[in-house]
């Protein structure tokens, strides 16, 4: 790292990093739940799972939005010596840091199928969709402000998450073309060669 520079990770990438693992773990657990009758029966399990899915999407996608908005509003310009972390590194750090939590959540969702089929899987899938929606919301803010939001890597928790946690004091901003991720944290699509 350059003298005086900071390691910065994209806020939307950190938020989005858990979406795919939670979605696929939830879909798989719910698929297994369809095969298990469970104590309550499939019909009740699916209805309970649908309700949990909607609640999880709403809670995860709207949680801490005020904090994100406040941090984004006070974002300082990134310095020329700051090092922008690649999208793949940010995602890998988050997934490595949360792998045991993801495994435990998936096992819990599988185990819940014997009581309330499908419900645990749809809860996990809903959390994944909520993270995607939150990242998309951040992407709309980034496009509107024409500035990408970054957080210091050393302010993230030990597992590479919590981009709006207590340790985070401010965001940094860069131009919309900086880094290798598009607004919202998705992979940046390169222009087609003509």
Protein backbone atom coordinates (compact mmCIF):
# COMPACT_ATOMS: atom_id res chain seq x y z
CA UNK A 1 0.00 0.00 0.00
CA UNK A 2 1.27 3.45 -0.84
CA UNK A 3 2.50 5.73 1.94
CA UNK A 4 -0.47 7.45 3.58
CA UNK A 5 -2.98 5.43 1.55
CA UNK A 6 -5.89 3.34 2.81
CA UNK A 7 -7.23 0.01 1.68
CA UNK A 8 -10.82 0.59 0.56
CA UNK A 9 -13.58 -1.94 -0.18
CA UNK A 10 -16.78 -1.13 -2.09
CA UNK A 11 -19.75 -0.82 0.28
CA UNK A 12 -22.23 -2.33 -2.21
CA UNK A 13 -19.92 -5.29 -2.89
CA UNK A 14 -19.68 -6.08 0.83
CA UNK A 15 -23.47 -5.89 1.13
CA UNK A 16 -24.01 -8.03 -1.96
CA UNK A 17 -21.36 -10.66 -1.09
CA UNK A 18 -23.72 -12.79 0.99
CA UNK A 19 -26.70 -12.63 -1.35
CA UNK A 20 -25.83 -15.54 -3.66
CA UNK A 21 -24.72 -18.00 -0.93
CA UNK A 22 -27.85 -17.30 1.14
CA UNK A 23 -30.11 -17.56 -1.93
CA UNK A 24 -28.69 -20.87 -3.17
CA UNK A 25 -28.48 -22.42 0.31
CA UNK A 26 -32.09 -21.40 0.89
CA UNK A 27 -33.32 -22.72 -2.46
CA UNK A 28 -31.56 -26.04 -1.90
CA UNK A 29 -32.91 -26.39 1.66
CA UNK A 30 -36.42 -25.48 0.48
CA UNK A 31 -36.13 -28.03 -2.35
CA UNK A 32 -35.25 -30.74 0.16
CA UNK A 33 -38.15 -29.56 2.30
CA UNK A 34 -40.60 -30.26 -0.51
CA UNK A 35 -39.60 -33.93 -0.28
CA UNK A 36 -40.07 -34.14 3.52
CA UNK A 37 -43.63 -34.18 4.92
CA UNK A 38 -42.56 -32.73 8.29
CA UNK A 39 -44.70 -32.35 11.41
CA UNK A 40 -46.91 -29.57 10.06
CA UNK A 41 -47.24 -30.86 6.50
CA UNK A 42 -46.00 -29.33 3.26
CA UNK A 43 -48.92 -26.95 2.73
CA UNK A 44 -48.48 -25.20 6.08
CA UNK A 45 -44.71 -25.26 5.66
CA UNK A 46 -44.89 -23.57 2.26
CA UNK A 47 -47.32 -20.91 3.53
CA UNK A 48 -45.15 -20.24 6.61
CA UNK A 49 -42.08 -20.16 4.37
CA UNK A 50 -43.69 -17.64 2.01
CA UNK A 51 -44.49 -15.38 4.97
CA UNK A 52 -40.94 -15.73 6.33
CA UNK A 53 -39.52 -15.01 2.87
CA UNK A 54 -41.46 -11.72 2.63
CA UNK A 55 -40.51 -10.70 6.17
CA UNK A 56 -36.82 -11.53 5.58
CA UNK A 57 -36.74 -9.55 2.32
CA UNK A 58 -38.29 -6.51 4.01
CA UNK A 59 -36.15 -6.62 7.17
CA UNK A 60 -32.83 -7.26 5.45
CA UNK A 61 -33.34 -4.77 2.62
CA UNK A 62 -34.46 -1.89 4.89
CA UNK A 63 -32.25 -2.53 7.92
CA UNK A 64 -29.84 0.33 8.76
CA UNK A 65 -30.73 2.42 5.69
CA UNK A 66 -30.54 5.60 7.75
CA UNK A 67 -26.99 4.73 8.77
CA UNK A 68 -25.99 4.07 5.15
CA UNK A 69 -27.60 7.35 4.08
CA UNK A 70 -25.82 9.33 6.81
CA UNK A 71 -22.44 7.78 5.98
CA UNK A 72 -22.96 8.33 2.25
CA UNK A 73 -23.94 11.96 2.78
CA UNK A 74 -20.72 12.66 4.68
CA UNK A 75 -18.41 10.71 2.32
CA UNK A 76 -15.01 12.30 1.76
CA UNK A 77 -13.15 12.09 -1.53
CA UNK A 78 -10.71 9.16 -1.72
CA UNK A 79 -7.06 10.16 -1.90
CA UNK A 80 -4.76 9.39 -4.79
CA UNK A 81 -2.73 6.98 -2.61
CA UNK A 82 -5.77 4.98 -1.47
CA UNK A 83 -5.84 1.39 -2.73
CA UNK A 84 -9.16 0.21 -4.15
CA UNK A 85 -9.79 -3.45 -3.34
CA UNK A 86 -10.90 -5.67 -6.23
CA UNK A 87 -14.46 -6.94 -6.19
CA UNK A 88 -13.31 -10.58 -6.15
CA UNK A 89 -11.11 -9.98 -3.09
CA UNK A 90 -13.94 -8.30 -1.18
CA UNK A 91 -16.38 -11.12 -2.00
CA UNK A 92 -13.81 -13.80 -1.14
CA UNK A 93 -13.01 -12.16 2.22
CA UNK A 94 -16.69 -11.94 3.14
CA UNK A 95 -17.44 -15.52 2.13
CA UNK A 96 -14.38 -16.93 3.90
CA UNK A 97 -15.24 -14.99 7.02
CA UNK A 98 -18.85 -16.17 7.04
CA UNK A 99 -18.46 -19.74 5.73
CA UNK A 100 -19.19 -21.39 9.09
CA UNK A 101 -22.20 -19.17 9.71
CA UNK A 102 -23.51 -19.98 6.25
CA UNK A 103 -23.00 -23.70 6.83
CA UNK A 104 -24.76 -23.56 10.22
CA UNK A 105 -27.67 -21.58 8.74
CA UNK A 106 -28.00 -24.10 5.90
CA UNK A 107 -27.91 -27.05 8.32
CA UNK A 108 -30.53 -25.35 10.52
CA UNK A 109 -32.75 -24.80 7.47
CA UNK A 110 -32.34 -28.46 6.50
CA UNK A 111 -33.14 -29.59 10.04
CA UNK A 112 -36.19 -27.32 10.20
CA UNK A 113 -37.66 -29.27 7.29
CA UNK A 114 -38.55 -32.09 9.68
CA UNK A 115 -40.76 -29.70 11.66
CA UNK A 116 -41.93 -27.08 9.14
CA UNK A 117 -40.94 -28.11 5.59
CA UNK A 118 -39.61 -25.45 3.20
CA UNK A 119 -39.89 -22.58 5.75
CA UNK A 120 -36.24 -22.43 6.83
CA UNK A 121 -35.01 -22.53 3.25
CA UNK A 122 -37.33 -19.73 2.17
CA UNK A 123 -36.17 -17.67 5.15
CA UNK A 124 -32.55 -17.99 3.97
CA UNK A 125 -33.50 -17.25 0.38
CA UNK A 126 -35.41 -14.17 1.53
CA UNK A 127 -32.33 -12.88 3.35
CA UNK A 128 -30.34 -13.30 0.12
CA UNK A 129 -32.93 -11.39 -1.91
CA UNK A 130 -32.96 -8.67 0.75
CA UNK A 131 -29.21 -8.22 0.38
CA UNK A 132 -29.55 -7.97 -3.41
CA UNK A 133 -32.25 -5.31 -3.00
CA UNK A 134 -30.12 -3.35 -0.51
CA UNK A 135 -27.14 -3.46 -2.90
CA UNK A 136 -29.41 -2.30 -5.75
CA UNK A 137 -30.64 0.58 -3.56
CA UNK A 138 -27.01 1.55 -2.86
CA UNK A 139 -26.33 1.37 -6.60
CA UNK A 140 -29.18 3.79 -7.32
CA UNK A 141 -27.74 6.19 -4.71
CA UNK A 142 -24.30 5.87 -6.31
CA UNK A 143 -25.66 6.60 -9.80
CA UNK A 144 -27.70 9.55 -8.55
CA UNK A 145 -24.70 11.04 -6.74
CA UNK A 146 -22.28 10.00 -9.51
CA UNK A 147 -19.89 8.68 -6.86
CA UNK A 148 -19.06 5.14 -5.76
CA UNK A 149 -19.01 4.51 -1.99
CA UNK A 150 -16.02 2.84 -0.34
CA UNK A 151 -15.28 1.81 3.24
CA UNK A 152 -11.90 1.34 4.89
CA UNK A 153 -11.02 -2.35 5.04
CA UNK A 154 -9.70 -2.04 8.59
CA UNK A 155 -13.10 -0.73 9.72
CA UNK A 156 -14.90 -3.87 8.55
CA UNK A 157 -15.34 -6.59 11.16
CA UNK A 158 -13.00 -9.58 11.42
CA UNK A 159 -15.18 -11.53 8.95
CA UNK A 160 -15.06 -8.79 6.29
CA UNK A 161 -18.62 -7.57 6.82
CA UNK A 162 -20.65 -4.82 8.53
CA UNK A 163 -19.99 -1.89 6.17
CA UNK A 164 -22.31 0.28 8.30
CA UNK A 165 -21.19 -1.04 11.69
CA UNK A 166 -20.15 1.02 14.73
CA UNK A 167 -16.48 0.93 13.73
CA UNK A 168 -17.23 2.67 10.42
CA UNK A 169 -16.88 6.41 10.88
CA UNK A 170 -17.15 7.62 7.27
CA UNK A 171 -17.18 6.46 3.68
CA UNK A 172 -14.87 7.54 0.89
CA UNK A 173 -16.10 8.43 -2.57
CA UNK A 174 -14.63 8.02 -6.04
CA UNK A 175 -15.78 8.68 -9.57
CA UNK A 176 -18.39 6.37 -11.02
CA UNK A 177 -15.83 4.58 -13.24
CA UNK A 178 -13.40 3.64 -10.44
CA UNK A 179 -12.80 0.01 -9.53
CA UNK A 180 -13.96 -3.18 -11.19
CA UNK A 181 -17.55 -3.24 -9.91
CA UNK A 182 -20.54 -1.38 -11.29
CA UNK A 183 -22.84 0.71 -9.08
CA UNK A 184 -24.67 -1.72 -6.80
CA UNK A 185 -21.70 -4.09 -6.56
CA UNK A 186 -22.30 -6.25 -9.65
CA UNK A 187 -19.47 -7.14 -12.00
CA UNK A 188 -18.70 -4.29 -14.32
CA UNK A 189 -19.56 -5.15 -17.91
CA UNK A 190 -16.83 -4.19 -20.31
CA UNK A 191 -17.76 -2.39 -23.49
CA UNK A 192 -18.00 -4.65 -26.52
CA UNK A 193 -15.12 -4.35 -28.94
CA UNK A 194 -16.09 -2.89 -32.29
